[in-house]
Amino acid sequence: QPLHARCYDVLRARSLDAAIEAISAGPRTCSTNFVVGQAGSAAIDVEAAPDAVAVLPDESGRVVHANHFRHARQMGIAEVISPRRHHSEHRERRLGELLTGNDWTVWDVMAALRNHDGHPNSVCRHPDPSDAGRVYESVVSVVMDLDAKALWISDGPPCRSPYQEVRLGVGET
């Protein structure tokens, strides 16, 4: 099933279990990562390779994931070794450090996503002039409050682009 069709099925799912099933059913056309949450319930992270899936709940109540497989061995896959992987691991570790405990707010998450520790390969990522020919940069940042049915989104790196609030389901019963 093509990735975008699978994303549609995940968005239509009425429960976390149904979303996991939509991700897990049948082989996938590519590797990807899904962060899925449900108001009043939980959030999970699902790593998906073409022939394997790993569901990664976070006991801390938060989901932090960057651009690498955390459980490739558990999934029985061999991830291509990238000389830049340590940047991804640093971003994930840094977010985990910034979002400890359970008393952080939407504004704390926004501040964490603007973090420049390890610049230019920081959480808020910018082009690295020493990496000729490759231009990687944060192009969007999204923070969600599922219970409030609201999200905040930046159009570009969050250090330069203010978050815009979007309310979901206004007027629904």
N, C-alpha and C. Protein backbone atom coordinates (compact mmCIF):
# COMPACT_ATOMS: atom_id res chain seq x y z
N GLN A 1 0.84 -1.18 0.00
CA GLN A 1 0.00 0.00 0.00
C GLN A 1 0.89 1.25 0.00
N PRO A 2 0.60 2.21 -0.83
CA PRO A 2 1.40 3.45 -0.87
C PRO A 2 1.32 4.20 0.47
N LEU A 3 2.39 4.89 0.79
CA LEU A 3 2.49 5.60 2.07
C LEU A 3 1.31 6.53 2.31
N HIS A 4 0.93 7.33 1.32
CA HIS A 4 -0.13 8.31 1.55
C HIS A 4 -1.48 7.65 1.78
N ALA A 5 -1.73 6.52 1.16
CA ALA A 5 -2.97 5.78 1.43
C ALA A 5 -2.95 5.24 2.86
N ARG A 6 -1.79 4.77 3.30
CA ARG A 6 -1.67 4.27 4.67
C ARG A 6 -1.86 5.43 5.67
N CYS A 7 -1.32 6.59 5.37
CA CYS A 7 -1.51 7.77 6.24
C CYS A 7 -3.00 8.10 6.36
N TYR A 8 -3.71 8.01 5.26
CA TYR A 8 -5.15 8.26 5.25
C TYR A 8 -5.86 7.27 6.18
N ASP A 9 -5.48 6.01 6.11
CA ASP A 9 -6.08 4.99 6.97
C ASP A 9 -5.77 5.26 8.44
N VAL A 10 -4.57 5.71 8.74
CA VAL A 10 -4.21 6.04 10.12
C VAL A 10 -5.06 7.22 10.61
N LEU A 11 -5.22 8.23 9.79
CA LEU A 11 -6.02 9.39 10.18
C LEU A 11 -7.49 9.04 10.40
N ARG A 12 -7.99 8.05 9.70
CA ARG A 12 -9.38 7.63 9.83
C ARG A 12 -9.60 6.68 11.00
N ALA A 13 -8.54 6.15 11.58
CA ALA A 13 -8.66 5.18 12.67
C ALA A 13 -9.34 5.82 13.88
N ARG A 14 -10.18 5.04 14.53
CA ARG A 14 -10.93 5.54 15.69
C ARG A 14 -10.29 5.22 17.03
N SER A 15 -9.17 4.49 17.00
CA SER A 15 -8.47 4.13 18.24
C SER A 15 -6.99 3.95 17.92
N LEU A 16 -6.18 3.96 18.98
CA LEU A 16 -4.75 3.71 18.78
C LEU A 16 -4.52 2.31 18.21
N ASP A 17 -5.28 1.33 18.70
CA ASP A 17 -5.12 -0.03 18.17
C ASP A 17 -5.44 -0.09 16.68
N ALA A 18 -6.50 0.63 16.26
CA ALA A 18 -6.85 0.65 14.84
C ALA A 18 -5.78 1.36 14.02
N ALA A 19 -5.17 2.39 14.58
CA ALA A 19 -4.09 3.09 13.88
C ALA A 19 -2.87 2.18 13.73
N ILE A 20 -2.53 1.46 14.79
CA ILE A 20 -1.41 0.52 14.73
C ILE A 20 -1.70 -0.55 13.67
N GLU A 21 -2.91 -1.04 13.62
CA GLU A 21 -3.28 -2.04 12.61
C GLU A 21 -3.15 -1.47 11.20
N ALA A 22 -3.56 -0.22 11.01
CA ALA A 22 -3.45 0.41 9.68
C ALA A 22 -1.99 0.52 9.25
N ILE A 23 -1.11 0.79 10.21
CA ILE A 23 0.32 0.89 9.90
C ILE A 23 0.91 -0.49 9.65
N SER A 24 0.50 -1.47 10.45
CA SER A 24 1.12 -2.80 10.44
C SER A 24 0.63 -3.71 9.33
N ALA A 25 -0.58 -3.48 8.84
CA ALA A 25 -1.19 -4.40 7.87
C ALA A 25 -0.40 -4.44 6.57
N GLY A 26 0.05 -5.62 6.22
CA GLY A 26 0.72 -5.81 4.93
C GLY A 26 2.06 -5.11 4.83
N PRO A 27 2.79 -5.41 3.77
CA PRO A 27 4.09 -4.75 3.60
C PRO A 27 3.94 -3.27 3.26
N ARG A 28 4.95 -2.49 3.60
CA ARG A 28 4.97 -1.06 3.33
C ARG A 28 5.90 -0.78 2.16
N THR A 29 5.64 0.31 1.44
CA THR A 29 6.46 0.67 0.28
C THR A 29 7.76 1.35 0.66
N CYS A 30 7.84 1.85 1.92
CA CYS A 30 9.04 2.55 2.35
C CYS A 30 9.10 2.55 3.87
N SER A 31 10.24 2.93 4.41
CA SER A 31 10.38 3.09 5.85
C SER A 31 9.87 4.46 6.24
N THR A 32 9.23 4.53 7.38
CA THR A 32 8.73 5.80 7.89
C THR A 32 8.49 5.69 9.38
N ASN A 33 8.15 6.79 9.99
CA ASN A 33 7.86 6.84 11.41
C ASN A 33 6.52 7.53 11.60
N PHE A 34 5.68 6.95 12.42
CA PHE A 34 4.38 7.54 12.73
C PHE A 34 4.33 7.87 14.21
N VAL A 35 3.97 9.10 14.54
CA VAL A 35 3.64 9.48 15.91
C VAL A 35 2.13 9.61 15.92
N VAL A 36 1.48 8.78 16.74
CA VAL A 36 0.03 8.70 16.76
C VAL A 36 -0.46 8.94 18.18
N GLY A 37 -1.46 9.77 18.33
CA GLY A 37 -2.02 10.02 19.65
C GLY A 37 -3.53 10.08 19.60
N GLN A 38 -4.12 9.92 20.77
CA GLN A 38 -5.57 9.98 20.89
C GLN A 38 -5.90 10.78 22.15
N ALA A 39 -6.77 11.77 22.00
CA ALA A 39 -7.16 12.60 23.14
C ALA A 39 -7.68 11.71 24.26
N GLY A 40 -7.28 12.05 25.50
CA GLY A 40 -7.74 11.31 26.65
C GLY A 40 -7.11 9.94 26.81
N SER A 41 -6.19 9.59 25.92
CA SER A 41 -5.60 8.26 25.95
C SER A 41 -4.09 8.36 26.08
N ALA A 42 -3.40 8.26 24.96
CA ALA A 42 -1.93 8.21 24.99
C ALA A 42 -1.40 8.61 23.63
N ALA A 43 -0.09 8.67 23.56
CA ALA A 43 0.61 8.86 22.30
C ALA A 43 1.62 7.73 22.18
N ILE A 44 1.82 7.29 20.95
CA ILE A 44 2.78 6.22 20.69
C ILE A 44 3.61 6.60 19.48
N ASP A 45 4.71 5.90 19.34
CA ASP A 45 5.56 6.06 18.18
C ASP A 45 5.63 4.71 17.49
N VAL A 46 5.46 4.69 16.18
CA VAL A 46 5.52 3.44 15.43
C VAL A 46 6.60 3.59 14.35
N GLU A 47 7.66 2.78 14.50
CA GLU A 47 8.69 2.72 13.47
C GLU A 47 8.25 1.65 12.48
N ALA A 48 8.27 2.00 11.20
CA ALA A 48 7.80 1.06 10.18
C ALA A 48 8.83 0.95 9.06
N ALA A 49 9.28 -0.26 8.82
CA ALA A 49 10.14 -0.60 7.69
C ALA A 49 9.26 -1.38 6.70
N PRO A 50 9.73 -1.65 5.49
CA PRO A 50 8.88 -2.37 4.54
C PRO A 50 8.31 -3.68 5.07
N ASP A 51 9.09 -4.43 5.86
CA ASP A 51 8.62 -5.74 6.32
C ASP A 51 8.56 -5.89 7.83
N ALA A 52 8.64 -4.80 8.59
CA ALA A 52 8.64 -4.91 10.05
C ALA A 52 8.12 -3.62 10.68
N VAL A 53 7.55 -3.77 11.88
CA VAL A 53 7.00 -2.63 12.62
C VAL A 53 7.36 -2.79 14.09
N ALA A 54 7.68 -1.67 14.75
CA ALA A 54 7.90 -1.66 16.20
C ALA A 54 7.08 -0.52 16.80
N VAL A 55 6.30 -0.85 17.83
CA VAL A 55 5.50 0.15 18.55
C VAL A 55 6.28 0.54 19.79
N LEU A 56 6.49 1.84 19.94
CA LEU A 56 7.36 2.34 21.01
C LEU A 56 6.60 3.26 21.96
N PRO A 57 5.87 2.72 22.90
CA PRO A 57 5.26 3.63 23.89
C PRO A 57 6.35 4.21 24.78
N ASP A 58 6.12 5.38 25.30
CA ASP A 58 7.08 6.01 26.18
C ASP A 58 6.45 6.12 27.57
N GLU A 59 7.01 5.41 28.53
CA GLU A 59 6.45 5.38 29.88
C GLU A 59 6.41 6.76 30.53
N SER A 60 7.19 7.70 30.03
CA SER A 60 7.25 9.03 30.62
C SER A 60 6.05 9.89 30.23
N GLY A 61 5.24 9.43 29.28
CA GLY A 61 4.10 10.21 28.83
C GLY A 61 4.43 11.13 27.67
N ARG A 62 5.62 11.01 27.13
CA ARG A 62 5.99 11.84 25.99
C ARG A 62 6.53 10.95 24.88
N VAL A 63 6.48 11.45 23.67
CA VAL A 63 7.02 10.73 22.53
C VAL A 63 8.10 11.60 21.92
N VAL A 64 9.32 11.10 21.91
CA VAL A 64 10.45 11.82 21.33
C VAL A 64 11.09 10.89 20.31
N HIS A 65 11.22 11.36 19.07
CA HIS A 65 11.81 10.52 18.03
C HIS A 65 12.48 11.42 17.02
N ALA A 66 13.62 10.99 16.49
CA ALA A 66 14.32 11.74 15.45
C ALA A 66 14.38 10.87 14.19
N ASN A 67 15.33 11.12 13.32
CA ASN A 67 15.35 10.49 11.99
C ASN A 67 16.21 9.25 11.92
N HIS A 68 16.04 8.34 12.84
CA HIS A 68 16.76 7.07 12.78
C HIS A 68 15.91 6.00 13.47
N PHE A 69 16.14 4.76 13.10
CA PHE A 69 15.46 3.66 13.78
C PHE A 69 16.06 3.50 15.17
N ARG A 70 15.20 3.41 16.17
CA ARG A 70 15.66 3.15 17.53
C ARG A 70 15.74 1.65 17.80
N HIS A 71 14.94 0.87 17.08
CA HIS A 71 14.85 -0.56 17.37
C HIS A 71 15.03 -1.42 16.12
N ALA A 72 16.03 -1.08 15.32
CA ALA A 72 16.29 -1.83 14.09
C ALA A 72 16.56 -3.31 14.39
N ARG A 73 17.37 -3.58 15.39
CA ARG A 73 17.70 -4.97 15.72
C ARG A 73 16.44 -5.73 16.16
N GLN A 74 15.63 -5.11 17.01
CA GLN A 74 14.39 -5.73 17.47
C GLN A 74 13.47 -6.03 16.28
N MET A 75 13.51 -5.19 15.26
CA MET A 75 12.66 -5.36 14.08
C MET A 75 13.26 -6.35 13.08
N GLY A 76 14.52 -6.73 13.30
CA GLY A 76 15.17 -7.66 12.39
C GLY A 76 15.59 -7.02 11.08
N ILE A 77 15.91 -5.73 11.13
CA ILE A 77 16.33 -5.03 9.92
C ILE A 77 17.74 -4.48 10.11
N ALA A 78 18.40 -4.24 9.01
CA ALA A 78 19.73 -3.63 9.04
C ALA A 78 19.59 -2.21 8.49
N GLU A 79 19.78 -1.25 9.36
CA GLU A 79 19.70 0.15 8.94
C GLU A 79 21.01 0.54 8.27
N VAL A 80 20.91 1.27 7.18
CA VAL A 80 22.10 1.76 6.49
C VAL A 80 22.86 2.68 7.46
N ILE A 81 24.13 2.44 7.61
CA ILE A 81 24.93 3.25 8.53
C ILE A 81 25.24 4.59 7.86
N SER A 82 24.81 5.65 8.52
CA SER A 82 25.03 7.00 8.00
C SER A 82 26.08 7.70 8.86
N PRO A 83 27.01 8.39 8.22
CA PRO A 83 27.99 9.15 9.01
C PRO A 83 27.34 10.33 9.74
N ARG A 84 26.09 10.62 9.44
CA ARG A 84 25.38 11.73 10.10
C ARG A 84 24.41 11.25 11.19
N ARG A 85 24.34 9.94 11.41
CA ARG A 85 23.40 9.40 12.38
C ARG A 85 23.56 10.04 13.76
N HIS A 86 24.78 10.31 14.16
CA HIS A 86 24.99 10.89 15.50
C HIS A 86 24.26 12.22 15.67
N HIS A 87 24.04 12.94 14.57
CA HIS A 87 23.26 14.19 14.67
C HIS A 87 21.82 13.89 15.06
N SER A 88 21.24 12.88 14.43
CA SER A 88 19.87 12.48 14.74
C SER A 88 19.77 11.99 16.19
N GLU A 89 20.73 11.17 16.60
CA GLU A 89 20.73 10.67 17.98
C GLU A 89 20.87 11.81 18.97
N HIS A 90 21.69 12.81 18.63
CA HIS A 90 21.84 13.98 19.51
C HIS A 90 20.52 14.74 19.63
N ARG A 91 19.83 14.96 18.52
CA ARG A 91 18.55 15.69 18.56
C ARG A 91 17.54 14.96 19.44
N GLU A 92 17.44 13.65 19.28
CA GLU A 92 16.50 12.88 20.09
C GLU A 92 16.87 12.94 21.57
N ARG A 93 18.14 12.74 21.88
CA ARG A 93 18.61 12.79 23.26
C ARG A 93 18.35 14.17 23.87
N ARG A 94 18.62 15.23 23.09
CA ARG A 94 18.44 16.59 23.59
C ARG A 94 16.98 16.88 23.90
N LEU A 95 16.08 16.46 23.02
CA LEU A 95 14.65 16.65 23.31
C LEU A 95 14.24 15.91 24.58
N GLY A 96 14.76 14.70 24.75
CA GLY A 96 14.47 13.95 25.97
C GLY A 96 14.95 14.68 27.22
N GLU A 97 16.12 15.30 27.13
CA GLU A 97 16.65 16.07 28.27
C GLU A 97 15.79 17.30 28.55
N LEU A 98 15.33 17.96 27.51
CA LEU A 98 14.56 19.19 27.68
C LEU A 98 13.13 18.94 28.14
N LEU A 99 12.61 17.75 27.87
CA LEU A 99 11.22 17.46 28.20
C LEU A 99 11.13 16.36 29.26
N THR A 100 11.80 16.56 30.37
CA THR A 100 11.74 15.59 31.46
C THR A 100 10.51 15.87 32.32
N GLY A 101 10.10 14.89 33.08
CA GLY A 101 8.94 15.05 33.95
C GLY A 101 7.65 15.11 33.15
N ASN A 102 6.58 15.49 33.83
CA ASN A 102 5.26 15.54 33.18
C ASN A 102 4.59 16.90 33.33
N ASP A 103 5.32 17.91 33.75
CA ASP A 103 4.68 19.20 34.01
C ASP A 103 5.02 20.26 32.96
N TRP A 104 5.46 19.85 31.77
CA TRP A 104 5.80 20.81 30.74
C TRP A 104 4.54 21.26 30.00
N THR A 105 4.62 22.44 29.44
CA THR A 105 3.48 23.03 28.73
C THR A 105 3.75 23.04 27.23
N VAL A 106 2.76 23.44 26.47
CA VAL A 106 2.91 23.61 25.03
C VAL A 106 4.07 24.57 24.76
N TRP A 107 4.18 25.61 25.58
CA TRP A 107 5.23 26.62 25.38
C TRP A 107 6.61 26.04 25.66
N ASP A 108 6.70 25.11 26.64
CA ASP A 108 7.96 24.42 26.91
C ASP A 108 8.37 23.55 25.71
N VAL A 109 7.41 22.89 25.09
CA VAL A 109 7.70 22.05 23.93
C VAL A 109 8.18 22.93 22.77
N MET A 110 7.51 24.06 22.57
CA MET A 110 7.95 24.99 21.52
C MET A 110 9.39 25.44 21.76
N ALA A 111 9.71 25.77 23.00
CA ALA A 111 11.07 26.20 23.33
C ALA A 111 12.07 25.08 23.06
N ALA A 112 11.71 23.85 23.39
CA ALA A 112 12.59 22.71 23.14
C ALA A 112 12.82 22.53 21.64
N LEU A 113 11.80 22.73 20.84
CA LEU A 113 11.93 22.57 19.39
C LEU A 113 12.72 23.70 18.74
N ARG A 114 12.93 24.78 19.48
CA ARG A 114 13.77 25.89 18.99
C ARG A 114 15.23 25.73 19.45
N ASN A 115 15.54 24.68 20.18
CA ASN A 115 16.85 24.51 20.80
C ASN A 115 17.96 24.41 19.77
N HIS A 116 19.09 25.09 20.03
CA HIS A 116 20.22 25.11 19.11
C HIS A 116 21.48 24.43 19.66
N ASP A 117 21.35 23.62 20.69
CA ASP A 117 22.51 22.88 21.18
C ASP A 117 23.00 21.95 20.07
N GLY A 118 24.27 22.09 19.69
CA GLY A 118 24.83 21.30 18.59
C GLY A 118 24.63 21.94 17.23
N HIS A 119 24.26 23.21 17.20
CA HIS A 119 24.03 23.94 15.95
C HIS A 119 25.17 23.71 14.97
N PRO A 120 24.93 23.50 13.72
CA PRO A 120 23.67 23.62 12.98
C PRO A 120 22.85 22.33 12.95
N ASN A 121 23.38 21.24 13.51
CA ASN A 121 22.68 19.96 13.51
C ASN A 121 21.90 19.76 14.80
N SER A 122 21.26 20.81 15.24
CA SER A 122 20.53 20.85 16.50
C SER A 122 19.09 20.41 16.29
N VAL A 123 18.30 20.44 17.37
CA VAL A 123 16.87 20.14 17.27
C VAL A 123 16.25 21.06 16.23
N CYS A 124 16.47 22.36 16.35
CA CYS A 124 16.10 23.31 15.31
C CYS A 124 17.26 23.31 14.32
N ARG A 125 17.09 22.57 13.27
CA ARG A 125 18.21 22.28 12.36
C ARG A 125 18.38 23.34 11.28
N HIS A 126 19.64 23.62 10.96
CA HIS A 126 19.99 24.61 9.95
C HIS A 126 21.03 24.03 9.00
N PRO A 127 21.17 24.59 7.81
CA PRO A 127 22.18 24.08 6.87
C PRO A 127 23.57 24.08 7.49
N ASP A 128 24.31 23.02 7.22
CA ASP A 128 25.67 22.87 7.73
C ASP A 128 26.63 23.23 6.61
N PRO A 129 27.33 24.36 6.70
CA PRO A 129 28.23 24.78 5.63
C PRO A 129 29.37 23.78 5.38
N SER A 130 29.70 22.95 6.37
CA SER A 130 30.78 21.98 6.17
C SER A 130 30.30 20.72 5.45
N ASP A 131 29.01 20.59 5.24
CA ASP A 131 28.44 19.41 4.57
C ASP A 131 28.06 19.80 3.15
N ALA A 132 29.06 20.02 2.32
CA ALA A 132 28.87 20.52 0.96
C ALA A 132 27.89 19.65 0.16
N GLY A 133 27.01 20.31 -0.53
CA GLY A 133 26.07 19.62 -1.40
C GLY A 133 24.83 19.11 -0.72
N ARG A 134 24.76 19.18 0.61
CA ARG A 134 23.58 18.71 1.34
C ARG A 134 23.02 19.88 2.15
N VAL A 135 21.76 20.15 1.95
CA VAL A 135 21.13 21.23 2.69
C VAL A 135 19.96 20.65 3.48
N TYR A 136 20.18 20.45 4.76
CA TYR A 136 19.14 19.96 5.65
C TYR A 136 18.75 21.08 6.59
N GLU A 137 17.45 21.28 6.75
CA GLU A 137 16.96 22.34 7.62
C GLU A 137 15.57 21.97 8.10
N SER A 138 15.23 22.38 9.31
CA SER A 138 13.86 22.21 9.79
C SER A 138 12.96 23.04 8.88
N VAL A 139 11.96 22.41 8.30
CA VAL A 139 11.07 23.14 7.39
C VAL A 139 9.71 23.39 8.02
N VAL A 140 9.41 22.70 9.10
CA VAL A 140 8.16 22.89 9.81
C VAL A 140 8.34 22.34 11.22
N SER A 141 7.58 22.86 12.14
CA SER A 141 7.57 22.36 13.50
C SER A 141 6.12 22.36 13.97
N VAL A 142 5.70 21.26 14.58
CA VAL A 142 4.30 21.12 15.00
C VAL A 142 4.25 20.67 16.45
N VAL A 143 3.41 21.33 17.23
CA VAL A 143 3.14 20.95 18.61
C VAL A 143 1.64 20.73 18.72
N MET A 144 1.23 19.62 19.33
CA MET A 144 -0.19 19.30 19.44
C MET A 144 -0.61 19.14 20.89
N ASP A 145 -1.79 19.62 21.20
CA ASP A 145 -2.46 19.34 22.47
C ASP A 145 -3.74 18.61 22.09
N LEU A 146 -3.71 17.29 22.19
CA LEU A 146 -4.84 16.49 21.73
C LEU A 146 -6.10 16.74 22.53
N ASP A 147 -5.97 16.92 23.85
CA ASP A 147 -7.15 17.14 24.67
C ASP A 147 -7.80 18.49 24.38
N ALA A 148 -6.99 19.51 24.08
CA ALA A 148 -7.52 20.84 23.76
C ALA A 148 -7.94 20.94 22.29
N LYS A 149 -7.66 19.90 21.51
CA LYS A 149 -7.95 19.90 20.07
C LYS A 149 -7.32 21.12 19.40
N ALA A 150 -6.04 21.31 19.66
CA ALA A 150 -5.32 22.46 19.10
C ALA A 150 -3.93 22.02 18.68
N LEU A 151 -3.42 22.70 17.67
CA LEU A 151 -2.04 22.50 17.28
C LEU A 151 -1.44 23.84 16.93
N TRP A 152 -0.12 23.88 17.02
CA TRP A 152 0.65 25.08 16.69
C TRP A 152 1.67 24.65 15.66
N ILE A 153 1.79 25.41 14.61
CA ILE A 153 2.66 25.02 13.50
C ILE A 153 3.50 26.22 13.05
N SER A 154 4.78 25.96 12.76
CA SER A 154 5.65 27.02 12.24
C SER A 154 5.88 26.76 10.76
N ASP A 155 5.97 27.82 10.00
CA ASP A 155 6.26 27.72 8.57
C ASP A 155 7.75 27.98 8.38
N GLY A 156 8.54 26.95 8.63
CA GLY A 156 9.99 27.07 8.58
C GLY A 156 10.58 26.76 9.94
N PRO A 157 11.87 26.96 10.10
CA PRO A 157 12.51 26.68 11.38
C PRO A 157 11.81 27.47 12.49
N PRO A 158 11.49 26.82 13.62
CA PRO A 158 10.73 27.51 14.65
C PRO A 158 11.46 28.67 15.31
N CYS A 159 12.78 28.77 15.14
CA CYS A 159 13.51 29.91 15.70
C CYS A 159 13.27 31.17 14.88
N ARG A 160 12.86 31.00 13.63
CA ARG A 160 12.63 32.15 12.74
C ARG A 160 11.17 32.34 12.37
N SER A 161 10.37 31.31 12.55
CA SER A 161 8.96 31.37 12.15
C SER A 161 8.08 31.19 13.37
N PRO A 162 7.26 32.15 13.68
CA PRO A 162 6.40 32.03 14.86
C PRO A 162 5.37 30.91 14.66
N TYR A 163 5.03 30.26 15.75
CA TYR A 163 3.99 29.24 15.72
C TYR A 163 2.63 29.91 15.52
N GLN A 164 1.82 29.29 14.65
CA GLN A 164 0.45 29.75 14.41
C GLN A 164 -0.49 28.70 15.01
N GLU A 165 -1.45 29.15 15.80
CA GLU A 165 -2.38 28.23 16.45
C GLU A 165 -3.52 27.85 15.50
N VAL A 166 -3.85 26.57 15.51
CA VAL A 166 -4.98 26.06 14.73
C VAL A 166 -5.85 25.26 15.70
N ARG A 167 -7.11 25.61 15.77
CA ARG A 167 -8.07 24.89 16.62
C ARG A 167 -8.80 23.87 15.75
N LEU A 168 -8.93 22.66 16.25
CA LEU A 168 -9.57 21.58 15.50
C LEU A 168 -10.93 21.26 16.10
N GLY A 169 -11.88 20.93 15.27
CA GLY A 169 -13.17 20.48 15.75
C GLY A 169 -13.98 21.53 16.47
N VAL A 170 -13.72 22.80 16.20
CA VAL A 170 -14.49 23.86 16.85
C VAL A 170 -15.94 23.74 16.41
N GLY A 171 -16.83 23.73 17.40
CA GLY A 171 -18.25 23.63 17.09
C GLY A 171 -18.75 22.20 17.01
N GLU A 172 -17.88 21.20 17.13
CA GLU A 172 -18.31 19.81 17.08
C GLU A 172 -18.96 19.43 18.40
N THR A 173 -19.84 18.47 18.34
CA THR A 173 -20.46 17.97 19.58
C THR A 173 -20.08 16.54 19.82
